[in-house]
PDB file of N, CA and C in Angstrom:
ATOM      1  N   MET A   1       0.719  -1.161   0.061  1.00  0.00           N
ATOM      2  CA  MET A   1       0.112  -0.122   0.039  1.00  0.00           C
ATOM      3  C   MET A   1       0.961   1.251  -0.043  1.00  0.00           C
ATOM      4  N   ILE A   2       0.450   2.272  -0.870  1.00  0.00           N
ATOM      5  CA  ILE A   2       1.338   3.353  -0.927  1.00  0.00           C
ATOM      6  C   ILE A   2       0.698   4.322   0.194  1.00  0.00           C
ATOM      7  N   ILE A   3       1.508   5.036   0.932  1.00  0.00           N
ATOM      8  CA  ILE A   3       1.111   6.264   1.803  1.00  0.00           C
ATOM      9  C   ILE A   3       1.997   7.261   1.585  1.00  0.00           C
ATOM     10  N   THR A   4       1.339   8.335   1.255  1.00  0.00           N
ATOM     11  CA  THR A   4       2.186   9.440   0.761  1.00  0.00           C
ATOM     12  C   THR A   4       1.546  10.749   1.316  1.00  0.00           C
ATOM     13  N   THR A   5       2.399  11.768   1.528  1.00  0.00           N
ATOM     14  CA  THR A   5       2.005  13.037   2.067  1.00  0.00           C
ATOM     15  C   THR A   5       1.378  14.027   1.027  1.00  0.00           C
ATOM     16  N   THR A   6       1.640  13.487  -0.337  1.00  0.00           N
ATOM     17  CA  THR A   6       1.081  14.193  -1.460  1.00  0.00           C
ATOM     18  C   THR A   6      -0.400  14.022  -1.845  1.00  0.00           C
ATOM     19  N   PRO A   7      -1.293  14.776  -2.449  1.00  0.00           N
ATOM     20  CA  PRO A   7      -2.462  14.740  -2.787  1.00  0.00           C
ATOM     21  C   PRO A   7      -2.683  13.700  -3.854  1.00  0.00           C
ATOM     22  N   THR A   8      -1.739  13.437  -4.619  1.00  0.00           N
ATOM     23  CA  THR A   8      -1.812  12.503  -5.839  1.00  0.00           C
ATOM     24  C   THR A   8      -0.587  11.694  -5.816  1.00  0.00           C
ATOM     25  N   ILE A   9      -0.787  10.472  -6.642  1.00  0.00           N
ATOM     26  CA  ILE A   9       0.315   9.546  -6.834  1.00  0.00           C
ATOM     27  C   ILE A   9       0.764   9.699  -8.261  1.00  0.00           C
ATOM     28  N   GLU A  10       2.074  10.040  -8.433  1.00  0.00           N
ATOM     29  CA  GLU A  10       2.454  10.217  -9.947  1.00  0.00           C
ATOM     30  C   GLU A  10       2.454   8.859 -10.654  1.00  0.00           C
ATOM     31  N   GLY A  11       1.538   9.130 -11.894  1.00  0.00           N
ATOM     32  CA  GLY A  11       1.758   7.957 -12.821  1.00  0.00           C
ATOM     33  C   GLY A  11       0.321   7.039 -12.505  1.00  0.00           C
ATOM     34  N   ARG A  12      -0.375   7.503 -11.357  1.00  0.00           N
ATOM     35  CA  ARG A  12      -1.656   6.620 -10.832  1.00  0.00           C
ATOM     36  C   ARG A  12      -2.965   7.554 -10.935  1.00  0.00           C
ATOM     37  N   GLU A  13      -3.844   7.108 -11.294  1.00  0.00           N
ATOM     38  CA  GLU A  13      -5.105   7.865 -11.306  1.00  0.00           C
ATOM     39  C   GLU A  13      -6.122   7.362 -10.060  1.00  0.00           C
ATOM     40  N   ILE A  14      -6.498   8.376  -9.475  1.00  0.00           N
ATOM     41  CA  ILE A  14      -7.431   7.987  -8.388  1.00  0.00           C
ATOM     42  C   ILE A  14      -8.786   7.843  -8.765  1.00  0.00           C
ATOM     43  N   LEU A  15      -9.455   6.780  -8.412  1.00  0.00           N
ATOM     44  CA  LEU A  15     -10.737   6.319  -9.005  1.00  0.00           C
ATOM     45  C   LEU A  15     -11.838   6.806  -8.020  1.00  0.00           C
ATOM     46  N   GLU A  16     -11.603   6.480  -6.785  1.00  0.00           N
ATOM     47  CA  GLU A  16     -12.679   6.803  -5.690  1.00  0.00           C
ATOM     48  C   GLU A  16     -11.838   7.124  -4.423  1.00  0.00           C
ATOM     49  N   TYR A  17     -12.627   8.281  -3.881  1.00  0.00           N
ATOM     50  CA  TYR A  17     -12.017   8.716  -2.357  1.00  0.00           C
ATOM     51  C   TYR A  17     -12.980   7.836  -1.663  1.00  0.00           C
ATOM     52  N   LYS A  18     -12.289   6.951  -0.568  1.00  0.00           N
ATOM     53  CA  LYS A  18     -12.858   6.125   0.420  1.00  0.00           C
ATOM     54  C   LYS A  18     -13.362   6.836   1.658  1.00  0.00           C
ATOM     55  N   GLY A  19     -12.617   7.813   1.867  1.00  0.00           N
ATOM     56  CA  GLY A  19     -12.838   8.546   3.134  1.00  0.00           C
ATOM     57  C   GLY A  19     -11.406   8.762   3.993  1.00  0.00           C
ATOM     58  N   LEU A  20     -11.751   9.312   5.211  1.00  0.00           N
ATOM     59  CA  LEU A  20     -10.493   9.600   6.220  1.00  0.00           C
ATOM     60  C   LEU A  20     -10.309   8.419   6.827  1.00  0.00           C
ATOM     61  N   VAL A  21      -8.867   8.048   6.921  1.00  0.00           N
ATOM     62  CA  VAL A  21      -8.478   6.968   7.800  1.00  0.00           C
ATOM     63  C   VAL A  21      -7.347   7.645   8.849  1.00  0.00           C
ATOM     64  N   PHE A  22      -7.284   6.829   9.954  1.00  0.00           N
ATOM     65  CA  PHE A  22      -6.463   7.289  11.140  1.00  0.00           C
ATOM     66  C   PHE A  22      -5.605   6.217  11.794  1.00  0.00           C
ATOM     67  N   GLY A  23      -4.741   6.412  12.133  1.00  0.00           N
ATOM     68  CA  GLY A  23      -3.764   5.460  13.029  1.00  0.00           C
ATOM     69  C   GLY A  23      -3.382   6.230  14.338  1.00  0.00           C
ATOM     70  N   GLU A  24      -3.591   5.657  15.435  1.00  0.00           N
ATOM     71  CA  GLU A  24      -3.055   6.286  16.641  1.00  0.00           C
ATOM     72  C   GLU A  24      -2.454   5.438  17.622  1.00  0.00           C
ATOM     73  N   VAL A  25      -1.518   5.928  18.413  1.00  0.00           N
ATOM     74  CA  VAL A  25      -0.749   5.195  19.312  1.00  0.00           C
ATOM     75  C   VAL A  25      -0.432   5.879  20.427  1.00  0.00           C
ATOM     76  N   ILE A  26      -0.816   5.498  21.701  1.00  0.00           N
ATOM     77  CA  ILE A  26      -0.221   6.069  22.876  1.00  0.00           C
ATOM     78  C   ILE A  26       0.437   5.146  23.704  1.00  0.00           C
ATOM     79  N   THR A  27       1.711   5.531  23.868  1.00  0.00           N
ATOM     80  CA  THR A  27       2.633   4.609  24.643  1.00  0.00           C
ATOM     81  C   THR A  27       3.140   5.206  25.889  1.00  0.00           C
ATOM     82  N   GLY A  28       3.526   4.448  26.762  1.00  0.00           N
ATOM     83  CA  GLY A  28       4.152   4.954  27.928  1.00  0.00           C
ATOM     84  C   GLY A  28       5.769   4.702  27.876  1.00  0.00           C
ATOM     85  N   VAL A  29       6.527   5.545  28.471  1.00  0.00           N
ATOM     86  CA  VAL A  29       8.048   5.286  28.643  1.00  0.00           C
ATOM     87  C   VAL A  29       8.362   4.836  29.876  1.00  0.00           C
ATOM     88  N   ASN A  30       9.090   3.801  29.883  1.00  0.00           N
ATOM     89  CA  ASN A  30       9.276   2.985  31.247  1.00  0.00           C
ATOM     90  C   ASN A  30      10.292   3.984  32.082  1.00  0.00           C
ATOM     91  N   PHE A  31      10.575   3.482  33.376  1.00  0.00           N
ATOM     92  CA  PHE A  31      11.369   4.317  34.357  1.00  0.00           C
ATOM     93  C   PHE A  31      12.873   4.437  34.002  1.00  0.00           C
ATOM     94  N   ILE A  32      13.393   3.129  33.369  1.00  0.00           N
ATOM     95  CA  ILE A  32      14.709   3.106  32.998  1.00  0.00           C
ATOM     96  C   ILE A  32      15.143   4.083  31.938  1.00  0.00           C
ATOM     97  N   LYS A  33      14.311   4.312  30.850  1.00  0.00           N
ATOM     98  CA  LYS A  33      14.360   5.145  29.791  1.00  0.00           C
ATOM     99  C   LYS A  33      14.208   6.800  30.336  1.00  0.00           C
ATOM    100  N   ASP A  34      13.178   6.908  31.111  1.00  0.00           N
ATOM    101  CA  ASP A  34      13.213   8.153  31.904  1.00  0.00           C
ATOM    102  C   ASP A  34      14.514   8.585  32.531  1.00  0.00           C
ATOM    103  N   PHE A  35      14.982   7.608  33.174  1.00  0.00           N
ATOM    104  CA  PHE A  35      16.279   7.854  33.980  1.00  0.00           C
ATOM    105  C   PHE A  35      17.467   8.096  33.046  1.00  0.00           C
ATOM    106  N   GLY A  36      17.677   7.365  31.939  1.00  0.00           N
ATOM    107  CA  GLY A  36      18.545   7.664  31.112  1.00  0.00           C
ATOM    108  C   GLY A  36      18.570   8.828  30.169  1.00  0.00           C
ATOM    109  N   ALA A  37      17.354   9.185  29.967  1.00  0.00           N
ATOM    110  CA  ALA A  37      17.032  10.429  29.162  1.00  0.00           C
ATOM    111  C   ALA A  37      17.427  11.756  29.961  1.00  0.00           C
ATOM    112  N   GLY A  38      17.155  11.584  31.364  1.00  0.00           N
ATOM    113  CA  GLY A  38      17.224  12.671  32.379  1.00  0.00           C
ATOM    114  C   GLY A  38      18.834  12.823  32.382  1.00  0.00           C
ATOM    115  N   LEU A  39      19.670  11.746  32.352  1.00  0.00           N
ATOM    116  CA  LEU A  39      21.139  12.011  32.327  1.00  0.00           C
ATOM    117  C   LEU A  39      21.582  12.693  31.020  1.00  0.00           C
ATOM    118  N   ARG A  40      21.021  12.225  30.025  1.00  0.00           N
ATOM    119  CA  ARG A  40      21.315  13.000  28.755  1.00  0.00           C
ATOM    120  C   ARG A  40      21.055  14.341  28.804  1.00  0.00           C
ATOM    121  N   ASP A  41      20.039  14.650  29.380  1.00  0.00           N
ATOM    122  CA  ASP A  41      19.447  15.928  29.510  1.00  0.00           C
ATOM    123  C   ASP A  41      20.423  16.946  30.196  1.00  0.00           C
ATOM    124  N   ILE A  42      21.176  16.208  31.285  1.00  0.00           N
ATOM    125  CA  ILE A  42      22.085  16.918  31.963  1.00  0.00           C
ATOM    126  C   ILE A  42      23.516  17.045  31.359  1.00  0.00           C
ATOM    127  N   PHE A  43      23.930  15.814  30.930  1.00  0.00           N
ATOM    128  CA  PHE A  43      25.230  15.715  30.394  1.00  0.00           C
ATOM    129  C   PHE A  43      25.384  15.956  28.673  1.00  0.00           C
ATOM    130  N   GLY A  44      24.163  16.081  28.280  1.00  0.00           N
ATOM    131  CA  GLY A  44      24.239  16.053  26.686  1.00  0.00           C
ATOM    132  C   GLY A  44      24.027  14.687  25.720  1.00  0.00           C
ATOM    133  N   GLY A  45      23.686  14.688  24.679  1.00  0.00           N
ATOM    134  CA  GLY A  45      23.825  13.423  23.862  1.00  0.00           C
ATOM    135  C   GLY A  45      22.367  13.239  23.389  1.00  0.00           C
ATOM    136  N   ARG A  46      22.360  11.921  22.623  1.00  0.00           N
ATOM    137  CA  ARG A  46      21.024  11.580  22.101  1.00  0.00           C
ATOM    138  C   ARG A  46      20.529  10.588  23.173  1.00  0.00           C
ATOM    139  N   SER A  47      19.138  10.469  23.129  1.00  0.00           N
ATOM    140  CA  SER A  47      18.373   9.650  24.028  1.00  0.00           C
ATOM    141  C   SER A  47      17.971   8.320  23.166  1.00  0.00           C
ATOM    142  N   GLU A  48      18.705   7.393  23.008  1.00  0.00           N
ATOM    143  CA  GLU A  48      18.419   6.270  22.362  1.00  0.00           C
ATOM    144  C   GLU A  48      17.089   5.674  22.688  1.00  0.00           C
ATOM    145  N   GLY A  49      16.899   5.502  23.982  1.00  0.00           N
ATOM    146  CA  GLY A  49      15.651   4.780  24.497  1.00  0.00           C
ATOM    147  C   GLY A  49      14.404   5.672  24.038  1.00  0.00           C
ATOM    148  N   TYR A  50      14.447   6.879  24.092  1.00  0.00           N
ATOM    149  CA  TYR A  50      13.050   7.809  23.681  1.00  0.00           C
ATOM    150  C   TYR A  50      13.059   7.526  22.153  1.00  0.00           C
ATOM    151  N   GLU A  51      14.330   7.538  21.405  1.00  0.00           N
ATOM    152  CA  GLU A  51      14.326   7.548  19.972  1.00  0.00           C
ATOM    153  C   GLU A  51      13.597   6.019  19.456  1.00  0.00           C
ATOM    154  N   GLU A  52      14.064   5.070  20.176  1.00  0.00           N
ATOM    155  CA  GLU A  52      13.446   3.789  19.870  1.00  0.00           C
ATOM    156  C   GLU A  52      11.962   3.762  20.123  1.00  0.00           C
ATOM    157  N   GLU A  53      11.516   4.403  21.204  1.00  0.00           N
ATOM    158  CA  GLU A  53      10.080   4.526  21.576  1.00  0.00           C
ATOM    159  C   GLU A  53       9.388   5.346  20.364  1.00  0.00           C
ATOM    160  N   LEU A  54       9.983   6.121  19.973  1.00  0.00           N
ATOM    161  CA  LEU A  54       9.568   7.213  18.944  1.00  0.00           C
ATOM    162  C   LEU A  54       9.222   6.279  17.449  1.00  0.00           C
ATOM    163  N   ILE A  55      10.339   5.583  17.233  1.00  0.00           N
ATOM    164  CA  ILE A  55      10.050   4.870  15.992  1.00  0.00           C
ATOM    165  C   ILE A  55       9.053   3.630  16.065  1.00  0.00           C
ATOM    166  N   ASP A  56       9.200   3.007  17.184  1.00  0.00           N
ATOM    167  CA  ASP A  56       8.157   2.066  17.227  1.00  0.00           C
ATOM    168  C   ASP A  56       6.747   2.458  17.269  1.00  0.00           C
ATOM    169  N   ALA A  57       6.496   3.686  18.078  1.00  0.00           N
ATOM    170  CA  ALA A  57       5.111   4.151  18.002  1.00  0.00           C
ATOM    171  C   ALA A  57       4.758   4.612  16.747  1.00  0.00           C
ATOM    172  N   ARG A  58       5.591   5.464  15.848  1.00  0.00           N
ATOM    173  CA  ARG A  58       5.314   5.758  14.352  1.00  0.00           C
ATOM    174  C   ARG A  58       4.975   4.464  13.669  1.00  0.00           C
ATOM    175  N   ASN A  59       5.759   3.449  13.646  1.00  0.00           N
ATOM    176  CA  ASN A  59       5.658   2.291  12.792  1.00  0.00           C
ATOM    177  C   ASN A  59       4.113   1.596  13.228  1.00  0.00           C
ATOM    178  N   GLU A  60       3.688   1.527  14.493  1.00  0.00           N
ATOM    179  CA  GLU A  60       2.617   0.826  14.803  1.00  0.00           C
ATOM    180  C   GLU A  60       1.531   1.952  14.328  1.00  0.00           C
ATOM    181  N   ALA A  61       1.511   3.362  14.290  1.00  0.00           N
ATOM    182  CA  ALA A  61       0.615   4.207  13.832  1.00  0.00           C
ATOM    183  C   ALA A  61       0.328   3.943  12.378  1.00  0.00           C
ATOM    184  N   LEU A  62       1.466   3.913  11.593  1.00  0.00           N
ATOM    185  CA  LEU A  62       1.527   3.535  10.181  1.00  0.00           C
ATOM    186  C   LEU A  62       0.678   2.259   9.727  1.00  0.00           C
ATOM    187  N   ALA A  63       0.956   1.137  10.547  1.00  0.00           N
ATOM    188  CA  ALA A  63       0.518  -0.173  10.544  1.00  0.00           C
ATOM    189  C   ALA A  63      -1.093   0.079  10.793  1.00  0.00           C
ATOM    190  N   GLU A  64      -1.442   0.655  11.649  1.00  0.00           N
ATOM    191  CA  GLU A  64      -2.866   0.789  12.040  1.00  0.00           C
ATOM    192  C   GLU A  64      -3.599   1.477  10.755  1.00  0.00           C
ATOM    193  N   LEU A  65      -2.931   2.578  10.471  1.00  0.00           N
ATOM    194  CA  LEU A  65      -3.525   3.488   9.313  1.00  0.00           C
ATOM    195  C   LEU A  65      -3.626   2.339   8.013  1.00  0.00           C
ATOM    196  N   LYS A  66      -2.712   1.673   7.774  1.00  0.00           N
ATOM    197  CA  LYS A  66      -2.680   0.938   6.489  1.00  0.00           C
ATOM    198  C   LYS A  66      -3.931  -0.110   6.850  1.00  0.00           C
ATOM    199  N   MET A  67      -3.816  -0.774   8.099  1.00  0.00           N
ATOM    200  CA  MET A  67      -4.952  -1.927   8.355  1.00  0.00           C
ATOM    201  C   MET A  67      -6.509  -1.213   8.106  1.00  0.00           C
ATOM    202  N   ARG A  68      -6.709  -0.018   8.476  1.00  0.00           N
ATOM    203  CA  ARG A  68      -7.843   0.632   8.441  1.00  0.00           C
ATOM    204  C   ARG A  68      -8.130   1.046   7.068  1.00  0.00           C
ATOM    205  N   ALA A  69      -7.247   1.368   6.336  1.00  0.00           N
ATOM    206  CA  ALA A  69      -7.437   1.839   4.827  1.00  0.00           C
ATOM    207  C   ALA A  69      -7.682   0.676   4.090  1.00  0.00           C
ATOM    208  N   GLU A  70      -7.055  -0.707   4.249  1.00  0.00           N
ATOM    209  CA  GLU A  70      -7.398  -1.913   3.707  1.00  0.00           C
ATOM    210  C   GLU A  70      -8.687  -2.296   3.978  1.00  0.00           C
ATOM    211  N   ARG A  71      -9.197  -2.087   5.056  1.00  0.00           N
ATOM    212  CA  ARG A  71     -10.424  -2.755   5.569  1.00  0.00           C
ATOM    213  C   ARG A  71     -11.642  -2.179   4.875  1.00  0.00           C
ATOM    214  N   ILE A  72     -11.265  -0.854   4.252  1.00  0.00           N
ATOM    215  CA  ILE A  72     -12.449  -0.038   3.626  1.00  0.00           C
ATOM    216  C   ILE A  72     -12.155  -0.308   2.048  1.00  0.00           C
ATOM    217  N   GLY A  73     -11.361  -1.137   1.612  1.00  0.00           N
ATOM    218  CA  GLY A  73     -10.922  -1.444   0.329  1.00  0.00           C
ATOM    219  C   GLY A  73     -10.067  -0.570  -0.440  1.00  0.00           C
ATOM    220  N   ALA A  74      -9.291   0.146   0.219  1.00  0.00           N
ATOM    221  CA  ALA A  74      -8.500   1.302  -0.476  1.00  0.00           C
ATOM    222  C   ALA A  74      -7.126   0.696  -1.105  1.00  0.00           C
ATOM    223  N   ASP A  75      -6.551   1.190  -2.007  1.00  0.00           N
ATOM    224  CA  ASP A  75      -5.191   0.762  -2.401  1.00  0.00           C
ATOM    225  C   ASP A  75      -4.222   1.690  -1.949  1.00  0.00           C
ATOM    226  N   ALA A  76      -4.470   2.829  -1.455  1.00  0.00           N
ATOM    227  CA  ALA A  76      -3.341   3.734  -1.027  1.00  0.00           C
ATOM    228  C   ALA A  76      -4.000   4.956  -0.041  1.00  0.00           C
ATOM    229  N   VAL A  77      -3.246   5.706   0.529  1.00  0.00           N
ATOM    230  CA  VAL A  77      -3.382   6.910   1.441  1.00  0.00           C
ATOM    231  C   VAL A  77      -2.635   7.972   0.937  1.00  0.00           C
ATOM    232  N   VAL A  78      -3.711   9.004   0.571  1.00  0.00           N
ATOM    233  CA  VAL A  78      -2.906  10.200   0.122  1.00  0.00           C
ATOM    234  C   VAL A  78      -3.203  11.440   1.052  1.00  0.00           C
ATOM    235  N   GLY A  79      -2.239  12.484   1.077  1.00  0.00           N
ATOM    236  CA  GLY A  79      -2.527  13.514   2.103  1.00  0.00           C
ATOM    237  C   GLY A  79      -2.010  13.368   3.468  1.00  0.00           C
ATOM    238  N   ALA A  80      -1.347  12.295   3.647  1.00  0.00           N
ATOM    239  CA  ALA A  80      -0.984  11.828   4.998  1.00  0.00           C
ATOM    240  C   ALA A  80      -0.338  12.793   5.926  1.00  0.00           C
ATOM    241  N   LYS A  81      -0.706  13.103   7.118  1.00  0.00           N
ATOM    242  CA  LYS A  81      -0.251  13.871   8.125  1.00  0.00           C
ATOM    243  C   LYS A  81       0.086  13.152   9.448  1.00  0.00           C
ATOM    244  N   MET A  82       1.358  13.311   9.921  1.00  0.00           N
ATOM    245  CA  MET A  82       1.773  12.743  11.169  1.00  0.00           C
ATOM    246  C   MET A  82       1.898  13.713  12.112  1.00  0.00           C
ATOM    247  N   ASP A  83       1.350  13.414  13.464  1.00  0.00           N
ATOM    248  CA  ASP A  83       1.664  14.422  14.526  1.00  0.00           C
ATOM    249  C   ASP A  83       1.929  13.724  15.789  1.00  0.00           C
ATOM    250  N   TYR A  84       2.953  14.360  16.565  1.00  0.00           N
ATOM    251  CA  TYR A  84       3.464  13.844  17.840  1.00  0.00           C
ATOM    252  C   TYR A  84       2.927  14.703  19.228  1.00  0.00           C
ATOM    253  N   GLU A  85       2.535  14.266  20.118  1.00  0.00           N
ATOM    254  CA  GLU A  85       2.144  15.040  21.298  1.00  0.00           C
ATOM    255  C   GLU A  85       2.779  14.090  22.496  1.00  0.00           C
ATOM    256  N   VAL A  86       3.008  15.113  23.820  1.00  0.00           N
ATOM    257  CA  VAL A  86       3.428  14.249  24.941  1.00  0.00           C
ATOM    258  C   VAL A  86       2.250  14.554  26.049  1.00  0.00           C
ATOM    259  N   LEU A  87       1.911  13.323  26.574  1.00  0.00           N
ATOM    260  CA  LEU A  87       0.789  13.251  27.320  1.00  0.00           C
ATOM    261  C   LEU A  87       1.142  12.886  28.954  1.00  0.00           C
ATOM    262  N   GLY A  88       0.139  13.116  29.666  1.00  0.00           N
ATOM    263  CA  GLY A  88       0.514  12.539  31.041  1.00  0.00           C
ATOM    264  C   GLY A  88       0.873  13.415  32.071  1.00  0.00           C
ATOM    265  N   GLN A  89       0.823  13.227  33.426  1.00  0.00           N
ATOM    266  CA  GLN A  89       1.084  14.192  34.373  1.00  0.00           C
ATOM    267  C   GLN A  89       2.637  14.631  34.342  1.00  0.00           C
ATOM    268  N   ALA A  90       3.377  13.851  33.948  1.00  0.00           N
ATOM    269  CA  ALA A  90       4.939  14.239  34.013  1.00  0.00           C
ATOM    270  C   ALA A  90       5.333  14.095  32.527  1.00  0.00           C
ATOM    271  N   GLY A  91       4.454  14.023  31.659  1.00  0.00           N
ATOM    272  CA  GLY A  91       4.837  13.884  30.327  1.00  0.00           C
ATOM    273  C   GLY A  91       5.618  12.654  29.781  1.00  0.00           C
ATOM    274  N   SER A  92       4.984  11.649  30.501  1.00  0.00           N
ATOM    275  CA  SER A  92       5.748  10.411  30.103  1.00  0.00           C
ATOM    276  C   SER A  92       5.089   9.428  29.160  1.00  0.00           C
ATOM    277  N   MET A  93       4.104   9.868  28.699  1.00  0.00           N
ATOM    278  CA  MET A  93       3.176   9.262  27.454  1.00  0.00           C
ATOM    279  C   MET A  93       3.573   9.944  26.301  1.00  0.00           C
ATOM    280  N   LEU A  94       3.724   9.169  25.208  1.00  0.00           N
ATOM    281  CA  LEU A  94       4.046   9.591  23.944  1.00  0.00           C
ATOM    282  C   LEU A  94       2.757   9.277  23.122  1.00  0.00           C
ATOM    283  N   MET A  95       2.077  10.391  22.355  1.00  0.00           N
ATOM    284  CA  MET A  95       1.012  10.001  21.352  1.00  0.00           C
ATOM    285  C   MET A  95       1.455  10.237  19.930  1.00  0.00           C
ATOM    286  N   VAL A  96       1.384   9.366  18.967  1.00  0.00           N
ATOM    287  CA  VAL A  96       1.660   9.451  17.633  1.00  0.00           C
ATOM    288  C   VAL A  96       0.284   9.260  16.916  1.00  0.00           C
ATOM    289  N   THR A  97      -0.046  10.169  16.138  1.00  0.00           N
ATOM    290  CA  THR A  97      -1.358  10.039  15.135  1.00  0.00           C
ATOM    291  C   THR A  97      -1.004  10.235  13.616  1.00  0.00           C
ATOM    292  N   ILE A  98      -1.441   9.484  12.998  1.00  0.00           N
ATOM    293  CA  ILE A  98      -1.438   9.873  11.423  1.00  0.00           C
ATOM    294  C   ILE A  98      -2.785   9.731  10.814  1.00  0.00           C
ATOM    295  N   SER A  99      -3.015  10.668   9.838  1.00  0.00           N
ATOM    296  CA  SER A  99      -4.316  10.718   9.103  1.00  0.00           C
ATOM    297  C   SER A  99      -4.081  10.793   7.701  1.00  0.00           C
ATOM    298  N   GLY A 100      -5.119  10.711   6.774  1.00  0.00           N
ATOM    299  CA  GLY A 100      -4.923  10.741   5.443  1.00  0.00           C
ATOM    300  C   GLY A 100      -6.201  10.303   4.856  1.00  0.00           C
ATOM    301  N   THR A 101      -6.371  10.423   3.479  1.00  0.00           N
ATOM    302  CA  THR A 101      -7.425  10.068   2.787  1.00  0.00           C
ATOM    303  C   THR A 101      -7.220   8.789   1.904  1.00  0.00           C
ATOM    304  N   ALA A 102      -7.986   7.754   2.477  1.00  0.00           N
ATOM    305  CA  ALA A 102      -8.045   6.513   1.633  1.00  0.00           C
ATOM    306  C   ALA A 102      -8.592   6.465   0.170  1.00  0.00           C
ATOM    307  N   VAL A 103      -7.752   5.898  -0.827  1.00  0.00           N
ATOM    308  CA  VAL A 103      -8.243   6.039  -2.093  1.00  0.00           C
ATOM    309  C   VAL A 103      -8.137   4.753  -2.799  1.00  0.00           C
ATOM    310  N   SER A 104      -8.791   4.595  -3.897  1.00  0.00           N
ATOM    311  CA  SER A 104      -8.670   3.334  -4.885  1.00  0.00           C
ATOM    312  C   SER A 104      -7.911   3.918  -6.143  1.00  0.00           C
ATOM    313  N   LEU A 105      -7.180   3.177  -6.589  1.00  0.00           N
ATOM    314  CA  LEU A 105      -6.261   3.654  -7.802  1.00  0.00           C
ATOM    315  C   LEU A 105      -6.830   2.996  -8.991  1.00  0.00           C
ATOM    316  N   LYS A 106      -6.513   3.483 -10.085  1.00  0.00           N
ATOM    317  CA  LYS A 106      -6.673   2.549 -11.399  1.00  0.00           C
ATOM    318  C   LYS A 106      -5.568   1.931 -11.812  1.00  0.00           C
TER     319      LYS A 106
END
């Protein structure tokens, strides 16, 4: 399945707009990763633990979007937009959302 941020797919014709589809993931970051990130905040450097969480959450949101598009008979998703937010009392939850328009292609 093609998932793109563009409104069209080069070389392909959109036959039908199936509707909006979404993929959402909210994930918690565990204490060990929080502790490691806190040290990196003090001493500098990249937080590999948080980066891994972000990559995993993004991949899960994309997979959910794809599953929902397939469920309504789409071949692709155009106009995709991804957003990231931090939630929770201490900002320890990560929310990744992606949305787009499911379409059928010729």
